[in-house]
């Protein structure tokens, strides 16, 4: 048997329902207002930003990006400068995107009104130049990462690398050159092997000052007297270092003679020529 509900009872239920709806909406609006108001309090808003570890980068350039990222509000309600909800990931992303000189970045909470930005800048290990004259060069770090334009140095302050990066010429825009990796197409280990080979030569008092990588994969290492050591980039560099040492031992005292070149590209054979 169906239960009969009077019209008055239905009307009372309808009124209670709408009261609950209105009360819930009012509570949500009040909650949004209070949280928005709380987010705007100066006591928990970012007022101070400390930047440390920057030596080349200007603090003003770093702060400009951070201040842009924490300006405005989320959904027109919540301040982006609220220390509890500020866009930390976006700041990190924007700083790393804007400055190729940054190797590592940490954003730390200092207090409810302050942030600490810790920056580790890349350090120059050598130069990569896009012209054989060596007048337009870029700094590279120990991992062969190109990160900044370099000034013209009057002497061989840094070892110079040439070639080894495809699709770049003297007319290539700077932003298309930065963030590339020298010899990156041959794998990370290859640059480490080449760099080790150059250091091993230095250990036996043979100082190179530039390496030219040609399109045919020939490598030419130049020394201060413009002598050249020629080898193939696919060769085992430890083996050719031993071959080179063996040649020097066999030749003995050169009596002031200088090499024009020593060619190590041929298996079990070393070709060399003295300067006239």
C-alpha atoms as a PDB file:
ATOM      1  CA  UNK A   1       0.000   0.000   0.000  1.00  0.00           C
ATOM      2  CA  UNK A   2       1.511   3.331  -1.128  1.00  0.00           C
ATOM      3  CA  UNK A   3       2.228   5.897   1.563  1.00  0.00           C
ATOM      4  CA  UNK A   4       0.386   9.163   1.111  1.00  0.00           C
ATOM      5  CA  UNK A   5       2.427  12.395   1.491  1.00  0.00           C
ATOM      6  CA  UNK A   6       0.542  15.626   1.804  1.00  0.00           C
ATOM      7  CA  UNK A   7       1.332  18.715  -0.233  1.00  0.00           C
ATOM      8  CA  UNK A   8       2.383  20.569   2.920  1.00  0.00           C
ATOM      9  CA  UNK A   9       4.937  17.865   3.745  1.00  0.00           C
ATOM     10  CA  UNK A  10       6.323  18.043   0.210  1.00  0.00           C
ATOM     11  CA  UNK A  11       6.548  21.822   0.464  1.00  0.00           C
ATOM     12  CA  UNK A  12       8.386  21.579   3.810  1.00  0.00           C
ATOM     13  CA  UNK A  13      10.908  19.108   2.319  1.00  0.00           C
ATOM     14  CA  UNK A  14      11.442  21.404  -0.660  1.00  0.00           C
ATOM     15  CA  UNK A  15      12.114  24.386   1.606  1.00  0.00           C
ATOM     16  CA  UNK A  16      14.559  22.384   3.757  1.00  0.00           C
ATOM     17  CA  UNK A  17      16.381  21.246   0.608  1.00  0.00           C
ATOM     18  CA  UNK A  18      16.807  24.785  -0.704  1.00  0.00           C
ATOM     19  CA  UNK A  19      17.886  26.035   2.717  1.00  0.00           C
ATOM     20  CA  UNK A  20      20.637  23.400   2.714  1.00  0.00           C
ATOM     21  CA  UNK A  21      21.668  24.376  -0.813  1.00  0.00           C
ATOM     22  CA  UNK A  22      21.793  28.090   0.036  1.00  0.00           C
ATOM     23  CA  UNK A  23      23.641  27.417   3.312  1.00  0.00           C
ATOM     24  CA  UNK A  24      26.182  25.207   1.528  1.00  0.00           C
ATOM     25  CA  UNK A  25      26.767  27.795  -1.201  1.00  0.00           C
ATOM     26  CA  UNK A  26      27.079  30.556   1.389  1.00  0.00           C
ATOM     27  CA  UNK A  27      29.599  28.475   3.345  1.00  0.00           C
ATOM     28  CA  UNK A  28      31.658  27.826   0.210  1.00  0.00           C
ATOM     29  CA  UNK A  29      31.663  31.508  -0.727  1.00  0.00           C
ATOM     30  CA  UNK A  30      32.640  32.431   2.819  1.00  0.00           C
ATOM     31  CA  UNK A  31      35.401  29.811   2.809  1.00  0.00           C
ATOM     32  CA  UNK A  32      36.744  31.082  -0.509  1.00  0.00           C
ATOM     33  CA  UNK A  33      36.656  34.635   0.772  1.00  0.00           C
ATOM     34  CA  UNK A  34      38.437  33.788   4.015  1.00  0.00           C
ATOM     35  CA  UNK A  35      41.139  31.678   2.339  1.00  0.00           C
ATOM     36  CA  UNK A  36      41.627  34.336  -0.327  1.00  0.00           C
ATOM     37  CA  UNK A  37      41.888  37.004   2.352  1.00  0.00           C
ATOM     38  CA  UNK A  38      44.291  34.834   4.340  1.00  0.00           C
ATOM     39  CA  UNK A  39      46.434  34.237   1.264  1.00  0.00           C
ATOM     40  CA  UNK A  40      46.773  37.976   0.847  1.00  0.00           C
ATOM     41  CA  UNK A  41      48.094  38.576   4.355  1.00  0.00           C
ATOM     42  CA  UNK A  42      51.590  40.040   4.359  1.00  0.00           C
ATOM     43  CA  UNK A  43      52.541  37.717   7.210  1.00  0.00           C
ATOM     44  CA  UNK A  44      52.622  34.744   4.799  1.00  0.00           C
ATOM     45  CA  UNK A  45      53.399  36.583   1.562  1.00  0.00           C
ATOM     46  CA  UNK A  46      56.834  36.511  -0.018  1.00  0.00           C
ATOM     47  CA  UNK A  47      58.472  39.833   0.771  1.00  0.00           C
ATOM     48  CA  UNK A  48      62.171  38.944   0.657  1.00  0.00           C
ATOM     49  CA  UNK A  49      64.129  36.849  -1.851  1.00  0.00           C
ATOM     50  CA  UNK A  50      67.766  36.001  -1.187  1.00  0.00           C
ATOM     51  CA  UNK A  51      69.893  34.893  -4.159  1.00  0.00           C
ATOM     52  CA  UNK A  52      73.214  33.166  -3.500  1.00  0.00           C
ATOM     53  CA  UNK A  53      75.810  31.443  -5.671  1.00  0.00           C
ATOM     54  CA  UNK A  54      75.499  33.741  -8.680  1.00  0.00           C
ATOM     55  CA  UNK A  55      78.784  35.218  -9.869  1.00  0.00           C
ATOM     56  CA  UNK A  56      78.166  35.827 -13.569  1.00  0.00           C
ATOM     57  CA  UNK A  57      74.389  36.187 -13.551  1.00  0.00           C
ATOM     58  CA  UNK A  58      72.933  39.456 -12.321  1.00  0.00           C
ATOM     59  CA  UNK A  59      70.713  39.216  -9.267  1.00  0.00           C
ATOM     60  CA  UNK A  60      68.324  41.781 -10.778  1.00  0.00           C
ATOM     61  CA  UNK A  61      67.728  39.539 -13.828  1.00  0.00           C
ATOM     62  CA  UNK A  62      66.987  36.561 -11.594  1.00  0.00           C
ATOM     63  CA  UNK A  63      64.629  38.537  -9.345  1.00  0.00           C
ATOM     64  CA  UNK A  64      62.768  39.934 -12.342  1.00  0.00           C
ATOM     65  CA  UNK A  65      61.699  36.455 -13.439  1.00  0.00           C
ATOM     66  CA  UNK A  66      60.780  35.373  -9.910  1.00  0.00           C
ATOM     67  CA  UNK A  67      58.714  38.496  -9.259  1.00  0.00           C
ATOM     68  CA  UNK A  68      56.858  38.017 -12.535  1.00  0.00           C
ATOM     69  CA  UNK A  69      56.019  34.433 -11.572  1.00  0.00           C
ATOM     70  CA  UNK A  70      54.671  35.347  -8.123  1.00  0.00           C
ATOM     71  CA  UNK A  71      52.626  38.339  -9.286  1.00  0.00           C
ATOM     72  CA  UNK A  72      48.882  38.022  -9.794  1.00  0.00           C
ATOM     73  CA  UNK A  73      46.443  35.487  -8.410  1.00  0.00           C
ATOM     74  CA  UNK A  74      45.176  31.976  -8.977  1.00  0.00           C
ATOM     75  CA  UNK A  75      41.589  32.058 -10.271  1.00  0.00           C
ATOM     76  CA  UNK A  76      41.450  35.779  -9.363  1.00  0.00           C
ATOM     77  CA  UNK A  77      41.338  34.737  -5.693  1.00  0.00           C
ATOM     78  CA  UNK A  78      44.594  33.402  -4.260  1.00  0.00           C
ATOM     79  CA  UNK A  79      47.804  35.400  -4.303  1.00  0.00           C
ATOM     80  CA  UNK A  80      50.682  33.672  -6.067  1.00  0.00           C
ATOM     81  CA  UNK A  81      53.034  35.268  -3.568  1.00  0.00           C
ATOM     82  CA  UNK A  82      51.566  33.206  -0.731  1.00  0.00           C
ATOM     83  CA  UNK A  83      54.533  31.292   0.696  1.00  0.00           C
ATOM     84  CA  UNK A  84      52.347  28.176   1.021  1.00  0.00           C
ATOM     85  CA  UNK A  85      51.142  28.046  -2.599  1.00  0.00           C
ATOM     86  CA  UNK A  86      53.663  30.050  -4.633  1.00  0.00           C
ATOM     87  CA  UNK A  87      54.544  28.498  -8.055  1.00  0.00           C
ATOM     88  CA  UNK A  88      57.860  26.895  -7.112  1.00  0.00           C
ATOM     89  CA  UNK A  89      58.036  24.525 -10.089  1.00  0.00           C
ATOM     90  CA  UNK A  90      57.308  27.308 -12.568  1.00  0.00           C
ATOM     91  CA  UNK A  91      60.036  29.502 -11.076  1.00  0.00           C
ATOM     92  CA  UNK A  92      62.565  26.669 -11.353  1.00  0.00           C
ATOM     93  CA  UNK A  93      61.535  25.945 -14.934  1.00  0.00           C
ATOM     94  CA  UNK A  94      61.629  29.597 -16.011  1.00  0.00           C
ATOM     95  CA  UNK A  95      65.034  30.258 -14.454  1.00  0.00           C
ATOM     96  CA  UNK A  96      66.603  27.183 -16.042  1.00  0.00           C
ATOM     97  CA  UNK A  97      65.044  28.081 -19.384  1.00  0.00           C
ATOM     98  CA  UNK A  98      66.214  31.692 -19.224  1.00  0.00           C
ATOM     99  CA  UNK A  99      69.790  31.096 -18.069  1.00  0.00           C
ATOM    100  CA  UNK A 100      71.868  28.353 -19.677  1.00  0.00           C
ATOM    101  CA  UNK A 101      74.642  29.282 -17.225  1.00  0.00           C
ATOM    102  CA  UNK A 102      72.727  27.628 -14.367  1.00  0.00           C
ATOM    103  CA  UNK A 103      73.906  24.091 -13.660  1.00  0.00           C
ATOM    104  CA  UNK A 104      71.882  23.460 -10.513  1.00  0.00           C
ATOM    105  CA  UNK A 105      69.099  25.345  -8.756  1.00  0.00           C
ATOM    106  CA  UNK A 106      67.393  25.001  -5.382  1.00  0.00           C
ATOM    107  CA  UNK A 107      64.550  27.101  -4.002  1.00  0.00           C
ATOM    108  CA  UNK A 108      64.302  26.891  -0.227  1.00  0.00           C
ATOM    109  CA  UNK A 109      61.833  28.100   2.392  1.00  0.00           C
ATOM    110  CA  UNK A 110      63.569  30.534   4.713  1.00  0.00           C
ATOM    111  CA  UNK A 111      60.627  31.856   6.753  1.00  0.00           C
ATOM    112  CA  UNK A 112      56.988  32.747   6.100  1.00  0.00           C
ATOM    113  CA  UNK A 113      58.026  35.865   4.218  1.00  0.00           C
ATOM    114  CA  UNK A 114      61.316  34.842   2.633  1.00  0.00           C
ATOM    115  CA  UNK A 115      62.772  32.520  -0.011  1.00  0.00           C
ATOM    116  CA  UNK A 116      66.385  31.521  -0.570  1.00  0.00           C
ATOM    117  CA  UNK A 117      67.492  30.832  -4.151  1.00  0.00           C
ATOM    118  CA  UNK A 118      70.664  28.750  -4.303  1.00  0.00           C
ATOM    119  CA  UNK A 119      72.357  28.740  -7.707  1.00  0.00           C
ATOM    120  CA  UNK A 120      75.324  26.731  -8.958  1.00  0.00           C
ATOM    121  CA  UNK A 121      76.700  28.263 -12.134  1.00  0.00           C
ATOM    122  CA  UNK A 122      78.531  26.309 -14.799  1.00  0.00           C
ATOM    123  CA  UNK A 123      82.303  26.771 -14.816  1.00  0.00           C
ATOM    124  CA  UNK A 124      84.316  27.150 -18.022  1.00  0.00           C
ATOM    125  CA  UNK A 125      86.494  24.188 -18.914  1.00  0.00           C
ATOM    126  CA  UNK A 126      87.357  25.109 -22.512  1.00  0.00           C
ATOM    127  CA  UNK A 127      86.069  26.993 -25.553  1.00  0.00           C
ATOM    128  CA  UNK A 128      84.216  25.818 -28.627  1.00  0.00           C
ATOM    129  CA  UNK A 129      84.604  28.090 -31.656  1.00  0.00           C
ATOM    130  CA  UNK A 130      82.474  28.226 -34.792  1.00  0.00           C
ATOM    131  CA  UNK A 131      85.254  29.742 -36.917  1.00  0.00           C
ATOM    132  CA  UNK A 132      88.769  28.431 -37.478  1.00  0.00           C
ATOM    133  CA  UNK A 133      90.203  31.842 -36.617  1.00  0.00           C
ATOM    134  CA  UNK A 134      88.948  31.274 -33.065  1.00  0.00           C
ATOM    135  CA  UNK A 135      87.418  34.739 -32.844  1.00  0.00           C
ATOM    136  CA  UNK A 136      83.835  33.690 -32.080  1.00  0.00           C
ATOM    137  CA  UNK A 137      83.720  31.177 -29.281  1.00  0.00           C
ATOM    138  CA  UNK A 138      81.509  29.798 -26.532  1.00  0.00           C
ATOM    139  CA  UNK A 139      82.301  28.533 -23.067  1.00  0.00           C
ATOM    140  CA  UNK A 140      81.828  24.814 -22.483  1.00  0.00           C
ATOM    141  CA  UNK A 141      81.842  23.117 -19.092  1.00  0.00           C
ATOM    142  CA  UNK A 142      83.446  19.827 -18.079  1.00  0.00           C
ATOM    143  CA  UNK A 143      80.600  17.896 -19.727  1.00  0.00           C
ATOM    144  CA  UNK A 144      81.094  19.733 -23.086  1.00  0.00           C
ATOM    145  CA  UNK A 145      77.867  21.701 -22.642  1.00  0.00           C
ATOM    146  CA  UNK A 146      77.848  25.059 -24.477  1.00  0.00           C
ATOM    147  CA  UNK A 147      76.373  27.603 -22.104  1.00  0.00           C
ATOM    148  CA  UNK A 148      77.573  31.150 -22.846  1.00  0.00           C
ATOM    149  CA  UNK A 149      79.351  33.351 -25.342  1.00  0.00           C
ATOM    150  CA  UNK A 150      83.010  33.943 -24.587  1.00  0.00           C
ATOM    151  CA  UNK A 151      85.015  37.130 -25.065  1.00  0.00           C
ATOM    152  CA  UNK A 152      88.100  37.200 -27.265  1.00  0.00           C
ATOM    153  CA  UNK A 153      91.193  36.189 -25.307  1.00  0.00           C
ATOM    154  CA  UNK A 154      94.598  37.518 -26.285  1.00  0.00           C
ATOM    155  CA  UNK A 155      96.336  34.212 -25.597  1.00  0.00           C
ATOM    156  CA  UNK A 156      95.525  30.529 -25.198  1.00  0.00           C
ATOM    157  CA  UNK A 157      93.846  30.980 -21.834  1.00  0.00           C
ATOM    158  CA  UNK A 158      91.482  28.098 -22.604  1.00  0.00           C
ATOM    159  CA  UNK A 159      91.864  25.035 -24.788  1.00  0.00           C
ATOM    160  CA  UNK A 160      89.836  25.463 -27.994  1.00  0.00           C
ATOM    161  CA  UNK A 161      87.666  22.936 -29.800  1.00  0.00           C
ATOM    162  CA  UNK A 162      86.504  23.311 -33.401  1.00  0.00           C
ATOM    163  CA  UNK A 163      83.935  21.350 -35.403  1.00  0.00           C
ATOM    164  CA  UNK A 164      82.175  18.371 -33.911  1.00  0.00           C
ATOM    165  CA  UNK A 165      78.701  19.979 -33.920  1.00  0.00           C
ATOM    166  CA  UNK A 166      76.554  19.670 -37.025  1.00  0.00           C
ATOM    167  CA  UNK A 167      74.341  22.384 -38.457  1.00  0.00           C
ATOM    168  CA  UNK A 168      76.143  25.374 -36.936  1.00  0.00           C
ATOM    169  CA  UNK A 169      77.966  28.177 -38.737  1.00  0.00           C
ATOM    170  CA  UNK A 170      79.090  31.697 -37.896  1.00  0.00           C
ATOM    171  CA  UNK A 171      75.631  32.958 -38.906  1.00  0.00           C
ATOM    172  CA  UNK A 172      73.694  30.615 -36.602  1.00  0.00           C
ATOM    173  CA  UNK A 173      71.747  32.572 -33.937  1.00  0.00           C
ATOM    174  CA  UNK A 174      73.245  32.326 -30.457  1.00  0.00           C
ATOM    175  CA  UNK A 175      70.145  30.745 -28.945  1.00  0.00           C
ATOM    176  CA  UNK A 176      70.425  27.854 -31.414  1.00  0.00           C
ATOM    177  CA  UNK A 177      74.031  27.260 -30.394  1.00  0.00           C
ATOM    178  CA  UNK A 178      73.662  27.406 -26.631  1.00  0.00           C
ATOM    179  CA  UNK A 179      72.685  24.210 -24.795  1.00  0.00           C
ATOM    180  CA  UNK A 180      74.287  22.041 -27.477  1.00  0.00           C
ATOM    181  CA  UNK A 181      76.882  19.458 -26.476  1.00  0.00           C
ATOM    182  CA  UNK A 182      80.250  19.254 -28.188  1.00  0.00           C
ATOM    183  CA  UNK A 183      80.703  15.826 -29.832  1.00  0.00           C
ATOM    184  CA  UNK A 184      77.287  14.984 -28.380  1.00  0.00           C
ATOM    185  CA  UNK A 185      76.282  13.059 -31.494  1.00  0.00           C
ATOM    186  CA  UNK A 186      79.068  10.580 -30.754  1.00  0.00           C
ATOM    187  CA  UNK A 187      77.969   9.945 -27.175  1.00  0.00           C
ATOM    188  CA  UNK A 188      78.910  11.432 -23.821  1.00  0.00           C
ATOM    189  CA  UNK A 189      81.801   8.992 -23.293  1.00  0.00           C
ATOM    190  CA  UNK A 190      83.546  10.104 -26.478  1.00  0.00           C
ATOM    191  CA  UNK A 191      84.274  13.620 -25.255  1.00  0.00           C
ATOM    192  CA  UNK A 192      85.547  12.212 -21.976  1.00  0.00           C
ATOM    193  CA  UNK A 193      87.912   9.917 -23.882  1.00  0.00           C
ATOM    194  CA  UNK A 194      89.188  12.765 -26.084  1.00  0.00           C
ATOM    195  CA  UNK A 195      89.655  15.013 -23.065  1.00  0.00           C
ATOM    196  CA  UNK A 196      91.560  12.264 -21.241  1.00  0.00           C
ATOM    197  CA  UNK A 197      93.805  11.758 -24.279  1.00  0.00           C
ATOM    198  CA  UNK A 198      94.701  15.470 -24.302  1.00  0.00           C
ATOM    199  CA  UNK A 199      95.446  15.378 -20.557  1.00  0.00           C
ATOM    200  CA  UNK A 200      97.667  12.314 -20.955  1.00  0.00           C
ATOM    201  CA  UNK A 201      99.705  14.170 -23.570  1.00  0.00           C
ATOM    202  CA  UNK A 202     100.010  17.107 -21.207  1.00  0.00           C
ATOM    203  CA  UNK A 203     101.334  14.768 -18.518  1.00  0.00           C
ATOM    204  CA  UNK A 204     104.316  13.994 -20.769  1.00  0.00           C
ATOM    205  CA  UNK A 205     104.882  17.725 -21.418  1.00  0.00           C
ATOM    206  CA  UNK A 206     103.150  17.849 -24.788  1.00  0.00           C
ATOM    207  CA  UNK A 207     100.629  20.676 -24.544  1.00  0.00           C
ATOM    208  CA  UNK A 208      97.940  20.958 -27.169  1.00  0.00           C
ATOM    209  CA  UNK A 209      96.035  24.203 -27.528  1.00  0.00           C
ATOM    210  CA  UNK A 210      93.297  23.312 -29.996  1.00  0.00           C
ATOM    211  CA  UNK A 211      91.498  20.331 -31.509  1.00  0.00           C
ATOM    212  CA  UNK A 212      89.877  20.459 -34.949  1.00  0.00           C
ATOM    213  CA  UNK A 213      87.283  17.805 -35.763  1.00  0.00           C
ATOM    214  CA  UNK A 214      86.689  17.534 -39.501  1.00  0.00           C
ATOM    215  CA  UNK A 215      83.618  16.275 -41.336  1.00  0.00           C
ATOM    216  CA  UNK A 216      85.415  13.108 -42.415  1.00  0.00           C
ATOM    217  CA  UNK A 217      86.009  12.263 -38.714  1.00  0.00           C
ATOM    218  CA  UNK A 218      89.695  13.181 -38.829  1.00  0.00           C
ATOM    219  CA  UNK A 219      90.928  14.820 -35.634  1.00  0.00           C
ATOM    220  CA  UNK A 220      93.840  17.254 -35.686  1.00  0.00           C
ATOM    221  CA  UNK A 221      95.407  18.236 -32.385  1.00  0.00           C
ATOM    222  CA  UNK A 222      97.597  21.324 -32.644  1.00  0.00           C
ATOM    223  CA  UNK A 223     100.508  22.207 -30.394  1.00  0.00           C
ATOM    224  CA  UNK A 224     102.025  25.593 -29.632  1.00  0.00           C
ATOM    225  CA  UNK A 225     104.593  25.269 -32.427  1.00  0.00           C
ATOM    226  CA  UNK A 226     101.722  24.429 -34.823  1.00  0.00           C
ATOM    227  CA  UNK A 227     102.775  20.813 -35.081  1.00  0.00           C
ATOM    228  CA  UNK A 228      99.830  18.498 -35.627  1.00  0.00           C
ATOM    229  CA  UNK A 229      98.862  15.116 -34.302  1.00  0.00           C
ATOM    230  CA  UNK A 230      96.367  13.486 -36.658  1.00  0.00           C
ATOM    231  CA  UNK A 231      94.143  10.571 -35.684  1.00  0.00           C
ATOM    232  CA  UNK A 232      90.752   9.076 -36.443  1.00  0.00           C
ATOM    233  CA  UNK A 233      87.893   9.751 -34.032  1.00  0.00           C
ATOM    234  CA  UNK A 234      86.906   6.087 -34.179  1.00  0.00           C
ATOM    235  CA  UNK A 235      90.276   4.822 -32.995  1.00  0.00           C
ATOM    236  CA  UNK A 236      90.992   3.617 -29.488  1.00  0.00           C
ATOM    237  CA  UNK A 237      92.637   6.670 -27.950  1.00  0.00           C
ATOM    238  CA  UNK A 238      94.515   4.695 -25.303  1.00  0.00           C
ATOM    239  CA  UNK A 239      96.163   2.617 -28.025  1.00  0.00           C
ATOM    240  CA  UNK A 240      97.178   5.591 -30.166  1.00  0.00           C
ATOM    241  CA  UNK A 241      98.618   7.301 -27.078  1.00  0.00           C
ATOM    242  CA  UNK A 242     100.835   4.248 -26.564  1.00  0.00           C
ATOM    243  CA  UNK A 243     101.774   4.305 -30.276  1.00  0.00           C
ATOM    244  CA  UNK A 244     102.670   7.988 -29.993  1.00  0.00           C
ATOM    245  CA  UNK A 245     104.870   7.366 -26.971  1.00  0.00           C
ATOM    246  CA  UNK A 246     106.596   4.509 -28.793  1.00  0.00           C
ATOM    247  CA  UNK A 247     107.395   6.825 -31.730  1.00  0.00           C
ATOM    248  CA  UNK A 248     108.959   9.403 -29.406  1.00  0.00           C
ATOM    249  CA  UNK A 249     111.075   6.723 -27.707  1.00  0.00           C
ATOM    250  CA  UNK A 250     112.258   5.296 -31.047  1.00  0.00           C
ATOM    251  CA  UNK A 251     113.233   8.711 -32.371  1.00  0.00           C
ATOM    252  CA  UNK A 252     115.198   9.579 -29.252  1.00  0.00           C
ATOM    253  CA  UNK A 253     116.881  12.989 -29.138  1.00  0.00           C
ATOM    254  CA  UNK A 254     115.387  15.173 -31.894  1.00  0.00           C
ATOM    255  CA  UNK A 255     118.250  17.694 -31.590  1.00  0.00           C
ATOM    256  CA  UNK A 256     115.987  20.709 -31.965  1.00  0.00           C
ATOM    257  CA  UNK A 257     113.953  19.364 -34.873  1.00  0.00           C
ATOM    258  CA  UNK A 258     110.186  19.921 -34.783  1.00  0.00           C
ATOM    259  CA  UNK A 259     107.416  17.822 -36.236  1.00  0.00           C
ATOM    260  CA  UNK A 260     105.183  19.230 -38.908  1.00  0.00           C
ATOM    261  CA  UNK A 261     102.776  16.386 -38.239  1.00  0.00           C
ATOM    262  CA  UNK A 262     102.467  12.896 -36.834  1.00  0.00           C
ATOM    263  CA  UNK A 263      99.724  10.797 -38.416  1.00  0.00           C
ATOM    264  CA  UNK A 264      98.332   7.915 -36.336  1.00  0.00           C
ATOM    265  CA  UNK A 265      95.372   6.994 -38.544  1.00  0.00           C
ATOM    266  CA  UNK A 266      96.956   3.870 -39.985  1.00  0.00           C
ATOM    267  CA  UNK A 267      97.000   0.568 -38.101  1.00  0.00           C
ATOM    268  CA  UNK A 268     100.475  -0.576 -37.056  1.00  0.00           C
ATOM    269  CA  UNK A 269     102.038   2.334 -38.912  1.00  0.00           C
ATOM    270  CA  UNK A 270     102.958   5.868 -37.874  1.00  0.00           C
ATOM    271  CA  UNK A 271     103.599   8.519 -40.528  1.00  0.00           C
ATOM    272  CA  UNK A 272     105.447  11.658 -39.554  1.00  0.00           C
ATOM    273  CA  UNK A 273     107.246  14.597 -41.125  1.00  0.00           C
ATOM    274  CA  UNK A 274     109.717  17.078 -39.702  1.00  0.00           C
ATOM    275  CA  UNK A 275     109.612  20.767 -40.448  1.00  0.00           C
ATOM    276  CA  UNK A 276     112.198  21.984 -42.925  1.00  0.00           C
END
